[in-house]
PDB file of N, CA and C in Angstrom:
ATOM      1  N   MET A   1     138.062  98.587  85.924  1.00  0.00           N
ATOM      2  CA  MET A   1     138.091 100.061  86.671  1.00  0.00           C
ATOM      3  C   MET A   1     137.062  99.890  87.937  1.00  0.00           C
ATOM      4  N   ALA A   2     135.555  99.598  87.468  1.00  0.00           N
ATOM      5  CA  ALA A   2     134.848  99.787  88.566  1.00  0.00           C
ATOM      6  C   ALA A   2     135.512  99.049  89.707  1.00  0.00           C
ATOM      7  N   LYS A   3     135.972  97.790  89.241  1.00  0.00           N
ATOM      8  CA  LYS A   3     136.135  96.724  90.995  1.00  0.00           C
ATOM      9  C   LYS A   3     137.270  97.645  91.716  1.00  0.00           C
ATOM     10  N   ALA A   4     138.242  98.266  90.906  1.00  0.00           N
ATOM     11  CA  ALA A   4     139.480  99.305  91.232  1.00  0.00           C
ATOM     12  C   ALA A   4     138.714 100.308  92.284  1.00  0.00           C
ATOM     13  N   LEU A   5     137.637 101.006  91.731  1.00  0.00           N
ATOM     14  CA  LEU A   5     136.764 102.271  92.610  1.00  0.00           C
ATOM     15  C   LEU A   5     136.197 101.671  93.791  1.00  0.00           C
ATOM     16  N   LEU A   6     135.629  99.949  93.279  1.00  0.00           N
ATOM     17  CA  LEU A   6     134.717  99.523  94.924  1.00  0.00           C
ATOM     18  C   LEU A   6     136.080  99.288  95.964  1.00  0.00           C
ATOM     19  N   GLY A   7     136.993  99.081  95.373  1.00  0.00           N
ATOM     20  CA  GLY A   7     137.992  98.256  96.538  1.00  0.00           C
ATOM     21  C   GLY A   7     138.717  99.749  97.145  1.00  0.00           C
ATOM     22  N   TYR A   8     138.662 100.724  96.334  1.00  0.00           N
ATOM     23  CA  TYR A   8     138.900 101.967  96.783  1.00  0.00           C
ATOM     24  C   TYR A   8     138.259 102.542  97.817  1.00  0.00           C
ATOM     25  N   VAL A   9     137.103 102.586  98.010  1.00  0.00           N
ATOM     26  CA  VAL A   9     135.760 103.016  99.110  1.00  0.00           C
ATOM     27  C   VAL A   9     135.443 101.917  99.776  1.00  0.00           C
ATOM     28  N   GLY A  10     136.275 100.778  99.818  1.00  0.00           N
ATOM     29  CA  GLY A  10     135.872  99.955 100.832  1.00  0.00           C
ATOM     30  C   GLY A  10     134.936  98.837 100.518  1.00  0.00           C
ATOM     31  N   GLY A  11     134.321  98.649  99.165  1.00  0.00           N
ATOM     32  CA  GLY A  11     133.167  98.029  98.919  1.00  0.00           C
ATOM     33  C   GLY A  11     131.783  97.940  99.927  1.00  0.00           C
ATOM     34  N   SER A  12     131.082  96.761  99.405  1.00  0.00           N
ATOM     35  CA  SER A  12     129.482  96.919 100.165  1.00  0.00           C
ATOM     36  C   SER A  12     129.711  96.788 101.794  1.00  0.00           C
ATOM     37  N   ASP A  13     129.300  97.252 102.630  1.00  0.00           N
ATOM     38  CA  ASP A  13     128.975  96.391 104.069  1.00  0.00           C
ATOM     39  C   ASP A  13     128.540  95.368 104.189  1.00  0.00           C
ATOM     40  N   PRO A  14     129.011  93.979 104.554  1.00  0.00           N
ATOM     41  CA  PRO A  14     127.807  92.740 104.470  1.00  0.00           C
ATOM     42  C   PRO A  14     126.781  93.087 105.640  1.00  0.00           C
ATOM     43  N   ARG A  15     126.995  93.878 106.452  1.00  0.00           N
ATOM     44  CA  ARG A  15     125.565  94.351 107.342  1.00  0.00           C
ATOM     45  C   ARG A  15     124.899  95.118 107.098  1.00  0.00           C
ATOM     46  N   LEU A  16     125.398  96.001 105.896  1.00  0.00           N
ATOM     47  CA  LEU A  16     124.143  96.939 105.226  1.00  0.00           C
ATOM     48  C   LEU A  16     123.239  95.747 104.142  1.00  0.00           C
ATOM     49  N   LEU A  17     124.388  95.073 103.630  1.00  0.00           N
ATOM     50  CA  LEU A  17     123.643  94.065 102.715  1.00  0.00           C
ATOM     51  C   LEU A  17     122.544  93.358 103.243  1.00  0.00           C
ATOM     52  N   ALA A  18     122.866  92.844 104.456  1.00  0.00           N
ATOM     53  CA  ALA A  18     122.303  91.584 105.275  1.00  0.00           C
ATOM     54  C   ALA A  18     120.907  92.451 105.998  1.00  0.00           C
ATOM     55  N   GLU A  19     121.054  93.688 106.061  1.00  0.00           N
ATOM     56  CA  GLU A  19     119.503  94.437 106.705  1.00  0.00           C
ATOM     57  C   GLU A  19     118.686  94.860 105.576  1.00  0.00           C
ATOM     58  N   MET A  20     119.338  94.922 104.097  1.00  0.00           N
ATOM     59  CA  MET A  20     118.391  95.056 103.201  1.00  0.00           C
ATOM     60  C   MET A  20     117.888  94.015 102.684  1.00  0.00           C
ATOM     61  N   ARG A  21     118.694  92.909 102.457  1.00  0.00           N
ATOM     62  CA  ARG A  21     117.909  91.884 102.613  1.00  0.00           C
ATOM     63  C   ARG A  21     116.499  91.431 103.462  1.00  0.00           C
ATOM     64  N   ARG A  22     116.877  91.589 104.464  1.00  0.00           N
ATOM     65  CA  ARG A  22     115.831  91.206 105.586  1.00  0.00           C
ATOM     66  C   ARG A  22     114.593  92.287 105.374  1.00  0.00           C
ATOM     67  N   LEU A  23     115.061  93.459 105.210  1.00  0.00           N
ATOM     68  CA  LEU A  23     114.101  94.333 105.077  1.00  0.00           C
ATOM     69  C   LEU A  23     113.329  94.341 103.770  1.00  0.00           C
ATOM     70  N   GLN A  24     113.771  93.487 102.627  1.00  0.00           N
ATOM     71  CA  GLN A  24     113.150  93.301 101.335  1.00  0.00           C
ATOM     72  C   GLN A  24     112.014  92.054 101.640  1.00  0.00           C
ATOM     73  N   GLN A  25     112.501  91.046 102.701  1.00  0.00           N
ATOM     74  CA  GLN A  25     111.817  89.743 102.907  1.00  0.00           C
ATOM     75  C   GLN A  25     110.137  90.683 103.725  1.00  0.00           C
ATOM     76  N   ARG A  26     110.858  91.406 104.686  1.00  0.00           N
ATOM     77  CA  ARG A  26     109.701  91.779 105.453  1.00  0.00           C
ATOM     78  C   ARG A  26     108.588  92.439 104.541  1.00  0.00           C
ATOM     79  N   VAL A  27     109.126  93.235 103.251  1.00  0.00           N
ATOM     80  CA  VAL A  27     108.183  94.056 102.636  1.00  0.00           C
ATOM     81  C   VAL A  27     107.573  92.924 101.597  1.00  0.00           C
ATOM     82  N   GLN A  28     108.154  92.045 101.658  1.00  0.00           N
ATOM     83  CA  GLN A  28     107.387  91.002 100.565  1.00  0.00           C
ATOM     84  C   GLN A  28     106.492  90.031 101.826  1.00  0.00           C
ATOM     85  N   ASP A  29     106.626  89.821 103.123  1.00  0.00           N
ATOM     86  CA  ASP A  29     105.924  89.421 103.872  1.00  0.00           C
ATOM     87  C   ASP A  29     104.382  90.143 104.256  1.00  0.00           C
ATOM     88  N   LEU A  30     104.887  91.320 104.169  1.00  0.00           N
ATOM     89  CA  LEU A  30     103.620  92.116 104.449  1.00  0.00           C
ATOM     90  C   LEU A  30     102.633  92.218 103.318  1.00  0.00           C
ATOM     91  N   GLU A  31     103.186  92.272 101.973  1.00  0.00           N
ATOM     92  CA  GLU A  31     102.143  92.584 100.897  1.00  0.00           C
ATOM     93  C   GLU A  31     101.544  91.398 100.824  1.00  0.00           C
ATOM     94  N   SER A  32     102.254  89.973 101.008  1.00  0.00           N
ATOM     95  CA  SER A  32     101.318  88.856 101.254  1.00  0.00           C
ATOM     96  C   SER A  32     100.305  88.874 102.257  1.00  0.00           C
ATOM     97  N   GLU A  33     100.351  89.189 103.307  1.00  0.00           N
ATOM     98  CA  GLU A  33      99.575  89.246 104.579  1.00  0.00           C
ATOM     99  C   GLU A  33      98.321  90.406 103.789  1.00  0.00           C
ATOM    100  N   LEU A  34      98.821  91.453 103.354  1.00  0.00           N
ATOM    101  CA  LEU A  34      97.830  92.477 102.908  1.00  0.00           C
ATOM    102  C   LEU A  34      96.664  91.569 101.784  1.00  0.00           C
ATOM    103  N   VAL A  35      97.387  90.746 100.869  1.00  0.00           N
ATOM    104  CA  VAL A  35      96.613  90.178  99.709  1.00  0.00           C
ATOM    105  C   VAL A  35      95.749  89.281 100.745  1.00  0.00           C
ATOM    106  N   ARG A  36      96.396  88.294 101.773  1.00  0.00           N
ATOM    107  CA  ARG A  36      95.581  87.486 102.361  1.00  0.00           C
ATOM    108  C   ARG A  36      94.268  88.578 103.044  1.00  0.00           C
ATOM    109  N   ILE A  37      94.370  89.486 103.787  1.00  0.00           N
ATOM    110  CA  ILE A  37      93.666  90.197 104.569  1.00  0.00           C
ATOM    111  C   ILE A  37      92.512  90.607 103.644  1.00  0.00           C
ATOM    112  N   GLN A  38      93.012  91.178 102.535  1.00  0.00           N
ATOM    113  CA  GLN A  38      92.007  91.824 101.532  1.00  0.00           C
ATOM    114  C   GLN A  38      91.129  90.636 100.925  1.00  0.00           C
ATOM    115  N   SER A  39      91.449  89.561 100.864  1.00  0.00           N
ATOM    116  CA  SER A  39      90.617  88.375 100.417  1.00  0.00           C
ATOM    117  C   SER A  39      89.858  87.878 101.509  1.00  0.00           C
ATOM    118  N   GLU A  40      90.270  87.976 102.746  1.00  0.00           N
ATOM    119  CA  GLU A  40      89.445  87.620 103.893  1.00  0.00           C
ATOM    120  C   GLU A  40      88.230  88.773 104.000  1.00  0.00           C
ATOM    121  N   ASN A  41      88.544  90.065 103.770  1.00  0.00           N
ATOM    122  CA  ASN A  41      87.659  90.964 103.553  1.00  0.00           C
ATOM    123  C   ASN A  41      86.482  90.986 102.687  1.00  0.00           C
ATOM    124  N   ASP A  42      87.085  90.550 101.442  1.00  0.00           N
ATOM    125  CA  ASP A  42      85.991  90.251 100.389  1.00  0.00           C
ATOM    126  C   ASP A  42      84.927  89.265 100.926  1.00  0.00           C
ATOM    127  N   ALA A  43      85.520  88.167 101.505  1.00  0.00           N
ATOM    128  CA  ALA A  43      84.564  87.133 101.695  1.00  0.00           C
ATOM    129  C   ALA A  43      83.638  87.624 102.708  1.00  0.00           C
ATOM    130  N   LEU A  44      84.241  88.123 103.756  1.00  0.00           N
ATOM    131  CA  LEU A  44      83.281  88.804 104.862  1.00  0.00           C
ATOM    132  C   LEU A  44      81.771  89.573 104.229  1.00  0.00           C
ATOM    133  N   ASN A  45      82.538  90.675 103.106  1.00  0.00           N
ATOM    134  CA  ASN A  45      81.550  91.575 102.615  1.00  0.00           C
ATOM    135  C   ASN A  45      80.727  90.791 101.992  1.00  0.00           C
ATOM    136  N   ALA A  46      80.920  89.574 101.153  1.00  0.00           N
ATOM    137  CA  ALA A  46      80.081  88.941 100.171  1.00  0.00           C
ATOM    138  C   ALA A  46      79.207  88.079 101.431  1.00  0.00           C
ATOM    139  N   ALA A  47      79.549  87.753 102.128  1.00  0.00           N
ATOM    140  CA  ALA A  47      78.735  86.891 103.251  1.00  0.00           C
ATOM    141  C   ALA A  47      77.589  88.157 104.266  1.00  0.00           C
ATOM    142  N   ALA A  48      78.220  89.246 104.213  1.00  0.00           N
ATOM    143  CA  ALA A  48      77.486  90.512 104.673  1.00  0.00           C
ATOM    144  C   ALA A  48      76.303  90.973 104.162  1.00  0.00           C
ATOM    145  N   ALA A  49      76.755  90.725 102.614  1.00  0.00           N
ATOM    146  CA  ALA A  49      75.433  91.045 101.421  1.00  0.00           C
ATOM    147  C   ALA A  49      74.708  89.930 101.474  1.00  0.00           C
ATOM    148  N   GLN A  50      74.491  88.963 101.690  1.00  0.00           N
ATOM    149  CA  GLN A  50      73.606  87.790 101.529  1.00  0.00           C
ATOM    150  C   GLN A  50      72.767  88.104 102.598  1.00  0.00           C
ATOM    151  N   HIS A  51      72.857  88.645 103.694  1.00  0.00           N
ATOM    152  CA  HIS A  51      72.154  88.625 104.991  1.00  0.00           C
ATOM    153  C   HIS A  51      71.020  90.048 105.030  1.00  0.00           C
ATOM    154  N   ASP A  52      69.773  89.947 105.074  1.00  0.00           N
ATOM    155  CA  ASP A  52      68.842  91.296 105.091  1.00  0.00           C
ATOM    156  C   ASP A  52      69.292  92.113 106.318  1.00  0.00           C
ATOM    157  N   GLY A  53      68.505  93.287 106.073  1.00  0.00           N
ATOM    158  CA  GLY A  53      68.669  94.296 107.077  1.00  0.00           C
ATOM    159  C   GLY A  53      70.172  94.858 107.075  1.00  0.00           C
ATOM    160  N   ASP A  54      70.169  95.928 107.856  1.00  0.00           N
ATOM    161  CA  ASP A  54      71.553  97.168 108.056  1.00  0.00           C
ATOM    162  C   ASP A  54      72.209  96.618 109.215  1.00  0.00           C
ATOM    163  N   SER A  55      73.279  95.868 108.889  1.00  0.00           N
ATOM    164  CA  SER A  55      74.069  95.275 109.425  1.00  0.00           C
ATOM    165  C   SER A  55      75.556  96.342 109.621  1.00  0.00           C
ATOM    166  N   LEU A  56      76.443  96.049 110.746  1.00  0.00           N
ATOM    167  CA  LEU A  56      77.414  96.530 111.108  1.00  0.00           C
ATOM    168  C   LEU A  56      78.356  96.951 109.866  1.00  0.00           C
ATOM    169  N   LEU A  57      78.418  95.714 109.284  1.00  0.00           N
ATOM    170  CA  LEU A  57      79.304  95.498 108.029  1.00  0.00           C
ATOM    171  C   LEU A  57      78.883  96.581 106.898  1.00  0.00           C
ATOM    172  N   ASP A  58      77.670  96.753 106.981  1.00  0.00           N
ATOM    173  CA  ASP A  58      77.085  97.981 105.964  1.00  0.00           C
ATOM    174  C   ASP A  58      77.295  98.936 106.160  1.00  0.00           C
ATOM    175  N   ARG A  59      77.619  99.430 107.422  1.00  0.00           N
ATOM    176  CA  ARG A  59      77.447 100.967 107.787  1.00  0.00           C
ATOM    177  C   ARG A  59      78.850 101.409 107.488  1.00  0.00           C
ATOM    178  N   ILE A  60      80.027 100.034 107.748  1.00  0.00           N
ATOM    179  CA  ILE A  60      81.521 100.859 107.763  1.00  0.00           C
ATOM    180  C   ILE A  60      82.061 100.818 106.222  1.00  0.00           C
ATOM    181  N   ASP A  61      82.794 101.722 105.975  1.00  0.00           N
ATOM    182  CA  ASP A  61      83.510 101.558 104.589  1.00  0.00           C
ATOM    183  C   ASP A  61      84.729 101.911 104.793  1.00  0.00           C
ATOM    184  N   ILE A  62      85.371 100.914 104.839  1.00  0.00           N
ATOM    185  CA  ILE A  62      86.806 101.155 104.503  1.00  0.00           C
ATOM    186  C   ILE A  62      87.758 100.799 103.402  1.00  0.00           C
ATOM    187  N   ASP A  63      88.216 101.688 103.295  1.00  0.00           N
ATOM    188  CA  ASP A  63      88.783 101.350 101.943  1.00  0.00           C
ATOM    189  C   ASP A  63      90.549 101.003 102.139  1.00  0.00           C
ATOM    190  N   VAL A  64      90.611  99.857 101.464  1.00  0.00           N
ATOM    191  CA  VAL A  64      92.271  99.556 101.414  1.00  0.00           C
ATOM    192  C   VAL A  64      92.904  99.939 100.263  1.00  0.00           C
ATOM    193  N   PRO A  65      93.923 100.896 100.066  1.00  0.00           N
ATOM    194  CA  PRO A  65      94.745 101.126  99.146  1.00  0.00           C
ATOM    195  C   PRO A  65      95.243  99.613  98.580  1.00  0.00           C
ATOM    196  N   GLN A  66      95.435  99.338  97.105  1.00  0.00           N
ATOM    197  CA  GLN A  66      96.242  98.546  96.733  1.00  0.00           C
ATOM    198  C   GLN A  66      97.694  98.073  96.612  1.00  0.00           C
ATOM    199  N   ALA A  67      97.967  96.729  96.975  1.00  0.00           N
ATOM    200  CA  ALA A  67      99.484  96.960  97.341  1.00  0.00           C
ATOM    201  C   ALA A  67     100.066  97.419  95.905  1.00  0.00           C
ATOM    202  N   GLU A  68     101.402  97.982  96.480  1.00  0.00           N
ATOM    203  CA  GLU A  68     102.111  98.668  95.248  1.00  0.00           C
ATOM    204  C   GLU A  68     103.662  97.750  95.571  1.00  0.00           C
ATOM    205  N   PRO A  69     104.453  97.404  94.339  1.00  0.00           N
ATOM    206  CA  PRO A  69     105.500  96.626  94.377  1.00  0.00           C
ATOM    207  C   PRO A  69     106.533  97.075  95.055  1.00  0.00           C
ATOM    208  N   ALA A  70     107.498  96.304  95.726  1.00  0.00           N
ATOM    209  CA  ALA A  70     108.331  96.437  96.530  1.00  0.00           C
ATOM    210  C   ALA A  70     109.529  97.086  95.674  1.00  0.00           C
ATOM    211  N   LEU A  71     110.481  97.826  96.128  1.00  0.00           N
ATOM    212  CA  LEU A  71     111.591  98.146  95.297  1.00  0.00           C
ATOM    213  C   LEU A  71     112.938  97.325  95.585  1.00  0.00           C
ATOM    214  N   THR A  72     113.178  96.782  94.426  1.00  0.00           N
ATOM    215  CA  THR A  72     114.334  95.837  94.649  1.00  0.00           C
ATOM    216  C   THR A  72     115.628  96.619  94.080  1.00  0.00           C
TER     217      THR A  72
END
């Protein structure tokens, strides 16, 4: 029955499916980049904490929200 209904409405548009796959991959790429940048930021903060005195990094407080899972 579901197969008949999908046939009746024309089924899924291949262009739409391809665009959805492309966007899902882009979200995964951006999440990976966010994890990499957060790790680099943590390393920079650790290095800055080892130095004495008031540095620029000590005065800047940037809060980066945690990555949320992509909807699939």
